[in-house]
Amino acid sequence: MTISSKIAIRIGRRAIGGHRRLFALLLACLAVLAACAHGGVTKAALRTVPAVDLDRYLGTWYEIASYPQWFQRNCAATTATYSRREDGRIRVVNACRDGGLDGPSRQVEGVAWIASEDQSNAKLRVQFFWPFRGDYWIIELDEDYRYAVVGHPSREYLWILARTARIDPALYADLVRRIEAHGYDAHRLQRTLQPAER
């Protein structure tokens, strides 16, 4: 065996050893990530309200705050209006002003239906564009249906809604506390620009 062959074998063994160490390190990292995913840092399942009277829930809601989403970029004066369709499902019309309170109006229409396995009506599915559907979970609801908080099981979506364009600061602070109790990061909330009540 030549000297160059011996050197090549040694380099190869070192490379293999280095790859083994790297592979072992990757396995260790994956084990840590798996432990985090299934361990104590996992958030509890998102809870919804016990019951929703959908007929009382119908009508127009003003968006008070939300987690910013790409499909609501540049929106102001955002509202959501719900009404019954002939097939029993719910017509959803989301509207806003583009770029500010005086901007042009834009809206999108969709459909919602009950997805609750129980009789709570607190879990719905919403579809604006086929075949894409989303979860719409009502996690807070005033007994007089003056405000509601809508979330998603992933906690990546969140909306605070009210029957009026503005709500009392004390109520907003209380809703933020409740949202945090649901496992949401309240720092991600962004207030929605709404016109002053007339």
N, C-alpha and C. Protein backbone atom coordinates (compact mmCIF):
# COMPACT_ATOMS: atom_id res chain seq x y z
N MET A 1 0.85 -1.19 0.00
CA MET A 1 0.00 0.00 0.00
C MET A 1 0.88 1.23 0.00
N THR A 2 0.54 2.16 -0.84
CA THR A 2 1.36 3.36 -0.95
C THR A 2 1.04 4.32 0.21
N ILE A 3 1.97 5.27 0.40
CA ILE A 3 1.78 6.28 1.44
C ILE A 3 0.51 7.09 1.17
N SER A 4 0.30 7.43 -0.11
CA SER A 4 -0.89 8.23 -0.46
C SER A 4 -2.17 7.46 -0.16
N SER A 5 -2.15 6.13 -0.33
CA SER A 5 -3.33 5.32 -0.04
C SER A 5 -3.62 5.32 1.45
N LYS A 6 -2.53 5.20 2.28
CA LYS A 6 -2.71 5.21 3.74
C LYS A 6 -3.28 6.55 4.21
N ILE A 7 -2.79 7.62 3.62
CA ILE A 7 -3.28 8.96 3.99
C ILE A 7 -4.76 9.09 3.63
N ALA A 8 -5.12 8.57 2.44
CA ALA A 8 -6.51 8.65 2.00
C ALA A 8 -7.42 7.87 2.94
N ILE A 9 -6.95 6.69 3.41
CA ILE A 9 -7.76 5.88 4.34
C ILE A 9 -7.96 6.61 5.66
N ARG A 10 -6.86 7.23 6.17
CA ARG A 10 -6.97 7.96 7.44
C ARG A 10 -7.95 9.13 7.31
N ILE A 11 -7.86 9.86 6.21
CA ILE A 11 -8.77 10.99 5.99
C ILE A 11 -10.22 10.50 5.91
N GLY A 12 -10.39 9.36 5.22
CA GLY A 12 -11.73 8.80 5.11
C GLY A 12 -12.30 8.40 6.46
N ARG A 13 -11.43 7.76 7.30
CA ARG A 13 -11.90 7.36 8.63
C ARG A 13 -12.27 8.57 9.47
N ARG A 14 -11.47 9.64 9.39
CA ARG A 14 -11.78 10.85 10.13
C ARG A 14 -13.10 11.47 9.66
N ALA A 15 -13.29 11.44 8.34
CA ALA A 15 -14.53 12.00 7.79
C ALA A 15 -15.73 11.21 8.27
N ILE A 16 -15.59 9.86 8.25
CA ILE A 16 -16.69 9.01 8.72
C ILE A 16 -16.95 9.26 10.20
N GLY A 17 -15.86 9.37 10.98
CA GLY A 17 -16.02 9.65 12.41
C GLY A 17 -16.70 10.99 12.63
N GLY A 18 -16.31 12.00 11.82
CA GLY A 18 -16.95 13.31 11.93
C GLY A 18 -18.42 13.26 11.59
N HIS A 19 -18.77 12.48 10.56
CA HIS A 19 -20.17 12.34 10.18
C HIS A 19 -20.96 11.63 11.27
N ARG A 20 -20.32 10.63 11.90
CA ARG A 20 -21.00 9.92 12.98
C ARG A 20 -21.28 10.85 14.15
N ARG A 21 -20.29 11.70 14.48
CA ARG A 21 -20.50 12.65 15.58
C ARG A 21 -21.61 13.64 15.23
N LEU A 22 -21.61 14.10 13.99
CA LEU A 22 -22.65 15.04 13.54
C LEU A 22 -24.02 14.37 13.58
N PHE A 23 -24.08 13.10 13.14
CA PHE A 23 -25.33 12.36 13.14
C PHE A 23 -25.83 12.17 14.58
N ALA A 24 -24.90 11.85 15.49
CA ALA A 24 -25.28 11.66 16.89
C ALA A 24 -25.80 12.96 17.49
N LEU A 25 -25.16 14.08 17.11
CA LEU A 25 -25.59 15.39 17.60
C LEU A 25 -27.00 15.71 17.08
N LEU A 26 -27.25 15.41 15.80
CA LEU A 26 -28.57 15.64 15.23
C LEU A 26 -29.63 14.80 15.93
N LEU A 27 -29.29 13.54 16.22
CA LEU A 27 -30.23 12.67 16.92
C LEU A 27 -30.55 13.22 18.31
N ALA A 28 -29.53 13.73 18.99
CA ALA A 28 -29.74 14.30 20.32
C ALA A 28 -30.66 15.52 20.24
N CYS A 29 -30.44 16.36 19.23
CA CYS A 29 -31.29 17.55 19.05
C CYS A 29 -32.73 17.15 18.78
N LEU A 30 -32.90 16.13 17.92
CA LEU A 30 -34.25 15.68 17.62
C LEU A 30 -34.94 15.11 18.86
N ALA A 31 -34.18 14.43 19.70
CA ALA A 31 -34.75 13.87 20.93
C ALA A 31 -35.22 14.99 21.86
N VAL A 32 -34.42 16.06 21.94
CA VAL A 32 -34.81 17.20 22.79
C VAL A 32 -36.08 17.85 22.25
N LEU A 33 -36.13 18.05 20.92
CA LEU A 33 -37.31 18.66 20.31
C LEU A 33 -38.55 17.79 20.52
N ALA A 34 -38.38 16.49 20.40
CA ALA A 34 -39.52 15.59 20.61
C ALA A 34 -40.00 15.66 22.04
N ALA A 35 -39.06 15.74 22.99
CA ALA A 35 -39.44 15.84 24.40
C ALA A 35 -40.21 17.13 24.66
N CYS A 36 -39.77 18.22 24.01
CA CYS A 36 -40.46 19.50 24.18
C CYS A 36 -41.86 19.43 23.60
N ALA A 37 -41.99 18.76 22.46
CA ALA A 37 -43.28 18.70 21.79
C ALA A 37 -44.29 17.90 22.59
N HIS A 38 -43.81 16.88 23.31
CA HIS A 38 -44.71 16.00 24.04
C HIS A 38 -44.63 16.17 25.55
N GLY A 39 -43.81 17.10 25.98
CA GLY A 39 -43.62 17.26 27.41
C GLY A 39 -44.45 18.38 27.99
N GLY A 40 -43.94 18.96 29.07
CA GLY A 40 -44.69 19.96 29.82
C GLY A 40 -44.92 21.26 29.09
N VAL A 41 -44.18 21.55 28.01
CA VAL A 41 -44.35 22.81 27.32
C VAL A 41 -45.52 22.78 26.35
N THR A 42 -46.12 21.62 26.11
CA THR A 42 -47.25 21.53 25.21
C THR A 42 -48.44 22.26 25.83
N LYS A 43 -49.10 23.11 25.04
CA LYS A 43 -50.25 23.85 25.54
C LYS A 43 -51.46 22.93 25.62
N ALA A 44 -52.33 23.24 26.57
CA ALA A 44 -53.56 22.47 26.70
C ALA A 44 -54.46 22.75 25.51
N ALA A 45 -55.37 21.82 25.25
CA ALA A 45 -56.31 21.99 24.15
C ALA A 45 -57.15 23.25 24.38
N LEU A 46 -57.42 23.96 23.30
CA LEU A 46 -58.19 25.20 23.39
C LEU A 46 -59.63 24.89 23.77
N ARG A 47 -60.12 25.60 24.78
CA ARG A 47 -61.49 25.40 25.25
C ARG A 47 -62.44 26.40 24.59
N THR A 48 -63.64 25.97 24.31
CA THR A 48 -64.67 26.85 23.78
C THR A 48 -65.70 27.14 24.86
N VAL A 49 -66.63 28.04 24.56
CA VAL A 49 -67.72 28.30 25.49
C VAL A 49 -68.66 27.10 25.52
N PRO A 50 -69.45 26.94 26.59
CA PRO A 50 -70.31 25.75 26.70
C PRO A 50 -71.42 25.69 25.65
N ALA A 51 -71.96 26.86 25.27
CA ALA A 51 -73.09 26.85 24.34
C ALA A 51 -73.21 28.18 23.62
N VAL A 52 -73.65 28.11 22.36
CA VAL A 52 -73.87 29.30 21.55
C VAL A 52 -75.25 29.20 20.90
N ASP A 53 -76.07 30.24 21.10
CA ASP A 53 -77.35 30.35 20.41
C ASP A 53 -77.06 31.04 19.08
N LEU A 54 -76.99 30.28 18.02
CA LEU A 54 -76.57 30.85 16.74
C LEU A 54 -77.50 31.95 16.24
N ASP A 55 -78.80 31.84 16.55
CA ASP A 55 -79.72 32.90 16.11
C ASP A 55 -79.40 34.23 16.80
N ARG A 56 -78.96 34.17 18.04
CA ARG A 56 -78.55 35.40 18.74
C ARG A 56 -77.19 35.88 18.26
N TYR A 57 -76.39 34.96 17.78
CA TYR A 57 -75.04 35.30 17.31
C TYR A 57 -75.08 36.00 15.95
N LEU A 58 -76.14 35.79 15.18
CA LEU A 58 -76.25 36.39 13.86
C LEU A 58 -76.25 37.91 13.95
N GLY A 59 -75.97 38.56 12.82
CA GLY A 59 -75.93 40.01 12.79
C GLY A 59 -74.51 40.50 12.54
N THR A 60 -74.30 41.77 12.78
CA THR A 60 -73.00 42.39 12.49
C THR A 60 -72.16 42.52 13.74
N TRP A 61 -70.89 42.17 13.60
CA TRP A 61 -69.89 42.31 14.66
C TRP A 61 -68.77 43.21 14.14
N TYR A 62 -68.26 44.07 15.02
CA TYR A 62 -67.11 44.91 14.70
C TYR A 62 -65.85 44.25 15.24
N GLU A 63 -64.80 44.26 14.45
CA GLU A 63 -63.52 43.71 14.90
C GLU A 63 -62.83 44.75 15.78
N ILE A 64 -62.58 44.38 17.02
CA ILE A 64 -61.93 45.28 17.98
C ILE A 64 -60.41 45.10 17.94
N ALA A 65 -59.98 43.87 17.82
CA ALA A 65 -58.55 43.55 17.75
C ALA A 65 -58.39 42.16 17.17
N SER A 66 -57.20 41.86 16.69
CA SER A 66 -56.95 40.54 16.10
C SER A 66 -55.46 40.28 16.02
N TYR A 67 -55.12 39.03 15.75
CA TYR A 67 -53.77 38.70 15.32
C TYR A 67 -53.67 39.11 13.85
N PRO A 68 -52.72 39.94 13.48
CA PRO A 68 -52.62 40.37 12.07
C PRO A 68 -52.46 39.18 11.13
N GLN A 69 -53.21 39.22 10.03
CA GLN A 69 -53.17 38.17 9.01
C GLN A 69 -52.98 38.81 7.64
N TRP A 70 -52.36 38.09 6.73
CA TRP A 70 -52.08 38.64 5.42
C TRP A 70 -53.35 39.02 4.67
N PHE A 71 -54.43 38.26 4.89
CA PHE A 71 -55.67 38.54 4.15
C PHE A 71 -56.43 39.74 4.71
N GLN A 72 -55.96 40.31 5.81
CA GLN A 72 -56.58 41.51 6.35
C GLN A 72 -55.63 42.71 6.30
N ARG A 73 -54.57 42.59 5.52
CA ARG A 73 -53.59 43.65 5.45
C ARG A 73 -54.24 44.95 4.96
N ASN A 74 -53.89 46.07 5.62
CA ASN A 74 -54.39 47.40 5.28
C ASN A 74 -55.88 47.60 5.55
N CYS A 75 -56.49 46.70 6.31
CA CYS A 75 -57.92 46.82 6.61
C CYS A 75 -58.18 47.74 7.79
N ALA A 76 -59.23 48.56 7.66
CA ALA A 76 -59.74 49.38 8.76
C ALA A 76 -61.26 49.24 8.75
N ALA A 77 -61.88 49.58 9.87
CA ALA A 77 -63.35 49.49 9.98
C ALA A 77 -63.85 48.10 9.60
N THR A 78 -63.18 47.09 10.09
CA THR A 78 -63.50 45.70 9.73
C THR A 78 -64.75 45.21 10.45
N THR A 79 -65.64 44.57 9.71
CA THR A 79 -66.85 43.98 10.28
C THR A 79 -67.04 42.57 9.74
N ALA A 80 -67.83 41.80 10.48
CA ALA A 80 -68.25 40.47 10.04
C ALA A 80 -69.75 40.39 10.26
N THR A 81 -70.47 40.02 9.21
CA THR A 81 -71.93 39.93 9.29
C THR A 81 -72.37 38.52 8.97
N TYR A 82 -73.20 37.96 9.87
CA TYR A 82 -73.66 36.58 9.74
C TYR A 82 -75.18 36.56 9.56
N SER A 83 -75.65 35.72 8.64
CA SER A 83 -77.08 35.57 8.42
C SER A 83 -77.37 34.13 7.98
N ARG A 84 -78.61 33.71 8.17
CA ARG A 84 -79.01 32.34 7.81
C ARG A 84 -79.20 32.22 6.30
N ARG A 85 -78.75 31.09 5.77
CA ARG A 85 -79.01 30.75 4.37
C ARG A 85 -80.20 29.79 4.31
N GLU A 86 -80.74 29.63 3.14
CA GLU A 86 -81.89 28.73 2.98
C GLU A 86 -81.53 27.28 3.30
N ASP A 87 -80.26 26.91 3.10
CA ASP A 87 -79.85 25.53 3.37
C ASP A 87 -79.52 25.29 4.84
N GLY A 88 -79.73 26.31 5.69
CA GLY A 88 -79.47 26.16 7.12
C GLY A 88 -78.08 26.57 7.55
N ARG A 89 -77.19 26.71 6.58
CA ARG A 89 -75.84 27.17 6.92
C ARG A 89 -75.85 28.68 7.14
N ILE A 90 -74.67 29.22 7.45
CA ILE A 90 -74.57 30.64 7.79
C ILE A 90 -73.79 31.38 6.72
N ARG A 91 -74.40 32.44 6.21
CA ARG A 91 -73.71 33.31 5.26
C ARG A 91 -72.80 34.25 6.04
N VAL A 92 -71.55 34.35 5.59
CA VAL A 92 -70.54 35.18 6.25
C VAL A 92 -70.08 36.25 5.27
N VAL A 93 -70.18 37.51 5.68
CA VAL A 93 -69.68 38.60 4.85
C VAL A 93 -68.68 39.40 5.69
N ASN A 94 -67.41 39.31 5.33
CA ASN A 94 -66.37 40.11 5.98
C ASN A 94 -66.09 41.34 5.13
N ALA A 95 -66.13 42.50 5.76
CA ALA A 95 -65.94 43.76 5.03
C ALA A 95 -64.96 44.66 5.76
N CYS A 96 -64.31 45.52 5.01
CA CYS A 96 -63.42 46.50 5.62
C CYS A 96 -63.19 47.65 4.65
N ARG A 97 -62.52 48.69 5.14
CA ARG A 97 -62.09 49.80 4.31
C ARG A 97 -60.60 49.62 4.03
N ASP A 98 -60.23 49.71 2.77
CA ASP A 98 -58.86 49.45 2.36
C ASP A 98 -57.98 50.69 2.57
N GLY A 99 -57.00 50.57 3.46
CA GLY A 99 -56.02 51.63 3.66
C GLY A 99 -56.38 52.68 4.68
N GLY A 100 -57.59 52.68 5.20
CA GLY A 100 -57.99 53.67 6.19
C GLY A 100 -59.49 53.80 6.23
N LEU A 101 -59.98 54.61 7.17
CA LEU A 101 -61.42 54.74 7.37
C LEU A 101 -62.14 55.30 6.15
N ASP A 102 -61.44 56.09 5.34
CA ASP A 102 -62.04 56.67 4.15
C ASP A 102 -61.69 55.90 2.88
N GLY A 103 -61.03 54.79 3.03
CA GLY A 103 -60.61 54.00 1.86
C GLY A 103 -61.78 53.29 1.21
N PRO A 104 -61.55 52.74 0.02
CA PRO A 104 -62.62 52.01 -0.67
C PRO A 104 -63.02 50.76 0.10
N SER A 105 -64.30 50.42 0.00
CA SER A 105 -64.82 49.24 0.69
C SER A 105 -64.44 47.98 -0.07
N ARG A 106 -64.11 46.95 0.68
CA ARG A 106 -63.88 45.64 0.07
C ARG A 106 -64.52 44.59 0.96
N GLN A 107 -64.98 43.53 0.34
CA GLN A 107 -65.62 42.49 1.13
C GLN A 107 -65.45 41.14 0.46
N VAL A 108 -65.64 40.10 1.26
CA VAL A 108 -65.57 38.74 0.77
C VAL A 108 -66.70 37.96 1.43
N GLU A 109 -67.31 37.08 0.68
CA GLU A 109 -68.43 36.29 1.21
C GLU A 109 -68.04 34.83 1.32
N GLY A 110 -68.48 34.22 2.42
CA GLY A 110 -68.21 32.81 2.64
C GLY A 110 -69.39 32.13 3.29
N VAL A 111 -69.15 30.91 3.74
CA VAL A 111 -70.19 30.13 4.38
C VAL A 111 -69.61 29.44 5.61
N ALA A 112 -70.44 29.32 6.65
CA ALA A 112 -70.02 28.63 7.88
C ALA A 112 -71.05 27.58 8.24
N TRP A 113 -70.61 26.55 8.94
CA TRP A 113 -71.51 25.51 9.39
C TRP A 113 -71.00 24.94 10.70
N ILE A 114 -71.88 24.32 11.44
CA ILE A 114 -71.54 23.77 12.75
C ILE A 114 -70.61 22.58 12.60
N ALA A 115 -69.54 22.60 13.40
CA ALA A 115 -68.58 21.49 13.38
C ALA A 115 -68.44 20.86 14.76
N SER A 116 -69.22 21.34 15.73
CA SER A 116 -69.14 20.79 17.09
C SER A 116 -69.64 19.36 17.10
N GLU A 117 -68.91 18.50 17.78
CA GLU A 117 -69.35 17.12 17.94
C GLU A 117 -70.45 17.03 18.99
N ASP A 118 -70.47 18.01 19.91
CA ASP A 118 -71.53 18.06 20.91
C ASP A 118 -72.62 19.01 20.40
N GLN A 119 -73.46 19.47 21.27
CA GLN A 119 -74.55 20.38 20.89
C GLN A 119 -74.24 21.83 21.25
N SER A 120 -72.95 22.15 21.46
CA SER A 120 -72.61 23.49 21.94
C SER A 120 -72.72 24.56 20.86
N ASN A 121 -72.55 24.20 19.59
CA ASN A 121 -72.50 25.16 18.47
C ASN A 121 -71.32 26.11 18.58
N ALA A 122 -70.34 25.80 19.42
CA ALA A 122 -69.22 26.71 19.65
C ALA A 122 -68.09 26.51 18.66
N LYS A 123 -68.12 25.40 17.93
CA LYS A 123 -67.09 25.14 16.93
C LYS A 123 -67.74 25.15 15.55
N LEU A 124 -67.23 26.01 14.69
CA LEU A 124 -67.73 26.08 13.33
C LEU A 124 -66.59 25.93 12.34
N ARG A 125 -66.96 25.65 11.11
CA ARG A 125 -66.00 25.65 10.01
C ARG A 125 -66.42 26.75 9.05
N VAL A 126 -65.45 27.46 8.52
CA VAL A 126 -65.72 28.57 7.61
C VAL A 126 -64.96 28.34 6.31
N GLN A 127 -65.63 28.64 5.21
CA GLN A 127 -64.99 28.50 3.90
C GLN A 127 -65.30 29.73 3.06
N PHE A 128 -64.23 30.35 2.55
CA PHE A 128 -64.37 31.49 1.65
C PHE A 128 -64.00 31.11 0.21
N PHE A 129 -63.02 30.23 0.09
CA PHE A 129 -62.59 29.78 -1.24
C PHE A 129 -62.43 28.27 -1.20
N TRP A 130 -63.13 27.57 -2.10
CA TRP A 130 -62.99 26.12 -2.18
C TRP A 130 -61.60 25.79 -2.69
N PRO A 131 -60.92 24.79 -2.11
CA PRO A 131 -61.37 23.85 -1.09
C PRO A 131 -60.89 24.21 0.32
N PHE A 132 -60.47 25.45 0.52
CA PHE A 132 -59.84 25.84 1.79
C PHE A 132 -60.89 26.14 2.85
N ARG A 133 -60.71 25.51 4.01
CA ARG A 133 -61.64 25.68 5.13
C ARG A 133 -60.84 26.02 6.38
N GLY A 134 -61.49 26.69 7.31
CA GLY A 134 -60.81 27.03 8.55
C GLY A 134 -61.70 26.81 9.76
N ASP A 135 -61.06 26.59 10.90
CA ASP A 135 -61.79 26.43 12.16
C ASP A 135 -62.14 27.80 12.74
N TYR A 136 -63.32 27.90 13.28
CA TYR A 136 -63.84 29.12 13.89
C TYR A 136 -64.41 28.70 15.24
N TRP A 137 -63.62 28.88 16.29
CA TRP A 137 -64.01 28.44 17.62
C TRP A 137 -64.33 29.65 18.50
N ILE A 138 -65.50 29.66 19.08
CA ILE A 138 -65.93 30.75 19.97
C ILE A 138 -65.45 30.40 21.37
N ILE A 139 -64.46 31.15 21.85
CA ILE A 139 -63.85 30.81 23.14
C ILE A 139 -64.28 31.73 24.28
N GLU A 140 -64.87 32.87 23.95
CA GLU A 140 -65.45 33.77 24.94
C GLU A 140 -66.71 34.37 24.33
N LEU A 141 -67.76 34.51 25.16
CA LEU A 141 -69.02 35.07 24.65
C LEU A 141 -69.80 35.69 25.80
N ASP A 142 -70.17 36.93 25.62
CA ASP A 142 -70.96 37.63 26.63
C ASP A 142 -72.35 37.02 26.70
N GLU A 143 -72.91 36.97 27.89
CA GLU A 143 -74.23 36.37 28.05
C GLU A 143 -75.30 37.14 27.28
N ASP A 144 -75.06 38.43 27.04
CA ASP A 144 -75.99 39.23 26.25
C ASP A 144 -75.53 39.38 24.80
N TYR A 145 -74.51 38.64 24.42
CA TYR A 145 -73.99 38.62 23.05
C TYR A 145 -73.53 40.02 22.61
N ARG A 146 -72.88 40.74 23.54
CA ARG A 146 -72.33 42.06 23.23
C ARG A 146 -70.90 41.96 22.75
N TYR A 147 -70.18 40.91 23.11
CA TYR A 147 -68.81 40.70 22.64
C TYR A 147 -68.54 39.21 22.53
N ALA A 148 -67.53 38.89 21.74
CA ALA A 148 -67.13 37.49 21.55
C ALA A 148 -65.64 37.46 21.23
N VAL A 149 -65.02 36.34 21.53
CA VAL A 149 -63.64 36.10 21.13
C VAL A 149 -63.61 34.82 20.32
N VAL A 150 -63.05 34.91 19.13
CA VAL A 150 -62.98 33.77 18.22
C VAL A 150 -61.53 33.34 18.06
N GLY A 151 -61.28 32.06 18.22
CA GLY A 151 -59.92 31.54 18.12
C GLY A 151 -59.84 30.35 17.17
N HIS A 152 -58.69 29.75 17.17
CA HIS A 152 -58.38 28.59 16.32
C HIS A 152 -57.58 27.62 17.17
N PRO A 153 -57.79 26.31 17.01
CA PRO A 153 -57.08 25.34 17.86
C PRO A 153 -55.56 25.46 17.81
N SER A 154 -55.01 26.02 16.74
CA SER A 154 -53.56 26.20 16.65
C SER A 154 -53.08 27.43 17.43
N ARG A 155 -54.02 28.29 17.82
CA ARG A 155 -53.75 29.57 18.48
C ARG A 155 -52.97 30.53 17.57
N GLU A 156 -53.04 30.34 16.28
CA GLU A 156 -52.39 31.25 15.34
C GLU A 156 -53.36 32.30 14.81
N TYR A 157 -54.64 32.17 15.15
CA TYR A 157 -55.65 33.12 14.71
C TYR A 157 -56.47 33.55 15.92
N LEU A 158 -56.83 34.83 15.95
CA LEU A 158 -57.56 35.35 17.11
C LEU A 158 -58.26 36.64 16.72
N TRP A 159 -59.54 36.75 17.12
CA TRP A 159 -60.30 37.96 16.88
C TRP A 159 -61.12 38.32 18.12
N ILE A 160 -61.13 39.59 18.49
CA ILE A 160 -62.05 40.11 19.49
C ILE A 160 -63.12 40.87 18.72
N LEU A 161 -64.38 40.49 18.93
CA LEU A 161 -65.50 41.09 18.23
C LEU A 161 -66.47 41.73 19.22
N ALA A 162 -67.17 42.75 18.76
CA ALA A 162 -68.18 43.41 19.60
C ALA A 162 -69.30 43.94 18.73
N ARG A 163 -70.44 44.19 19.35
CA ARG A 163 -71.58 44.71 18.63
C ARG A 163 -71.45 46.21 18.34
N THR A 164 -70.51 46.85 19.00
CA THR A 164 -70.25 48.27 18.77
C THR A 164 -68.81 48.43 18.29
N ALA A 165 -68.54 49.55 17.62
CA ALA A 165 -67.22 49.76 17.02
C ALA A 165 -66.13 49.94 18.07
N ARG A 166 -66.51 50.33 19.26
CA ARG A 166 -65.54 50.51 20.35
C ARG A 166 -66.09 49.90 21.63
N ILE A 167 -65.19 49.44 22.50
CA ILE A 167 -65.63 48.90 23.78
C ILE A 167 -64.89 49.61 24.90
N ASP A 168 -65.40 49.46 26.10
CA ASP A 168 -64.81 50.10 27.27
C ASP A 168 -63.39 49.55 27.50
N PRO A 169 -62.43 50.42 27.81
CA PRO A 169 -61.05 49.96 28.04
C PRO A 169 -60.94 48.88 29.13
N ALA A 170 -61.77 48.98 30.16
CA ALA A 170 -61.73 47.98 31.23
C ALA A 170 -62.17 46.61 30.71
N LEU A 171 -63.18 46.60 29.85
CA LEU A 171 -63.63 45.34 29.26
C LEU A 171 -62.54 44.77 28.36
N TYR A 172 -61.90 45.63 27.57
CA TYR A 172 -60.83 45.15 26.70
C TYR A 172 -59.71 44.52 27.52
N ALA A 173 -59.31 45.19 28.61
CA ALA A 173 -58.25 44.65 29.47
C ALA A 173 -58.64 43.30 30.05
N ASP A 174 -59.92 43.17 30.43
CA ASP A 174 -60.40 41.90 30.98
C ASP A 174 -60.36 40.80 29.92
N LEU A 175 -60.74 41.13 28.68
CA LEU A 175 -60.70 40.15 27.60
C LEU A 175 -59.27 39.72 27.30
N VAL A 176 -58.35 40.65 27.37
CA VAL A 176 -56.94 40.31 27.15
C VAL A 176 -56.47 39.31 28.21
N ARG A 177 -56.87 39.52 29.46
CA ARG A 177 -56.50 38.58 30.53
C ARG A 177 -57.09 37.19 30.26
N ARG A 178 -58.32 37.16 29.79
CA ARG A 178 -58.96 35.87 29.50
C ARG A 178 -58.27 35.18 28.32
N ILE A 179 -57.89 35.97 27.34
CA ILE A 179 -57.19 35.42 26.18
C ILE A 179 -55.87 34.77 26.60
N GLU A 180 -55.15 35.45 27.48
CA GLU A 180 -53.89 34.89 27.98
C GLU A 180 -54.14 33.58 28.73
N ALA A 181 -55.26 33.51 29.46
CA ALA A 181 -55.60 32.28 30.18
C ALA A 181 -55.88 31.13 29.22
N HIS A 182 -56.26 31.46 28.00
CA HIS A 182 -56.47 30.44 26.97
C HIS A 182 -55.16 30.00 26.31
N GLY A 183 -54.06 30.60 26.72
CA GLY A 183 -52.77 30.22 26.16
C GLY A 183 -52.32 31.05 24.98
N TYR A 184 -52.99 32.17 24.74
CA TYR A 184 -52.60 33.07 23.65
C TYR A 184 -51.57 34.09 24.12
N ASP A 185 -50.75 34.55 23.20
CA ASP A 185 -49.79 35.62 23.46
C ASP A 185 -50.48 36.94 23.17
N ALA A 186 -50.86 37.67 24.20
CA ALA A 186 -51.60 38.92 24.03
C ALA A 186 -50.76 40.00 23.36
N HIS A 187 -49.44 39.88 23.40
CA HIS A 187 -48.58 40.88 22.76
C HIS A 187 -48.74 40.88 21.24
N ARG A 188 -49.27 39.81 20.68
CA ARG A 188 -49.47 39.75 19.23
C ARG A 188 -50.76 40.44 18.79
N LEU A 189 -51.61 40.78 19.75
CA LEU A 189 -52.87 41.43 19.41
C LEU A 189 -52.62 42.82 18.83
N GLN A 190 -53.39 43.14 17.81
CA GLN A 190 -53.30 44.47 17.20
C GLN A 190 -54.71 45.07 17.16
N ARG A 191 -54.86 46.28 17.71
CA ARG A 191 -56.15 46.94 17.71
C ARG A 191 -56.55 47.30 16.28
N THR A 192 -57.84 47.17 16.00
CA THR A 192 -58.38 47.48 14.68
C THR A 192 -58.88 48.91 14.67
N LEU A 193 -58.48 49.67 13.67
CA LEU A 193 -58.96 51.05 13.53
C LEU A 193 -60.44 51.03 13.16
N GLN A 194 -61.26 51.64 14.00
CA GLN A 194 -62.69 51.72 13.78
C GLN A 194 -63.16 53.17 13.88
N PRO A 195 -64.21 53.54 13.17
CA PRO A 195 -64.71 54.92 13.29
C PRO A 195 -65.27 55.19 14.66
N ALA A 196 -65.25 56.44 15.07
CA ALA A 196 -65.86 56.82 16.35
C ALA A 196 -67.35 56.59 16.26
N GLU A 197 -67.94 56.15 17.38
CA GLU A 197 -69.38 55.91 17.39
C GLU A 197 -70.13 57.23 17.25
N ARG A 198 -71.16 57.24 16.46
CA ARG A 198 -71.97 58.44 16.26
C ARG A 198 -73.21 58.39 17.14
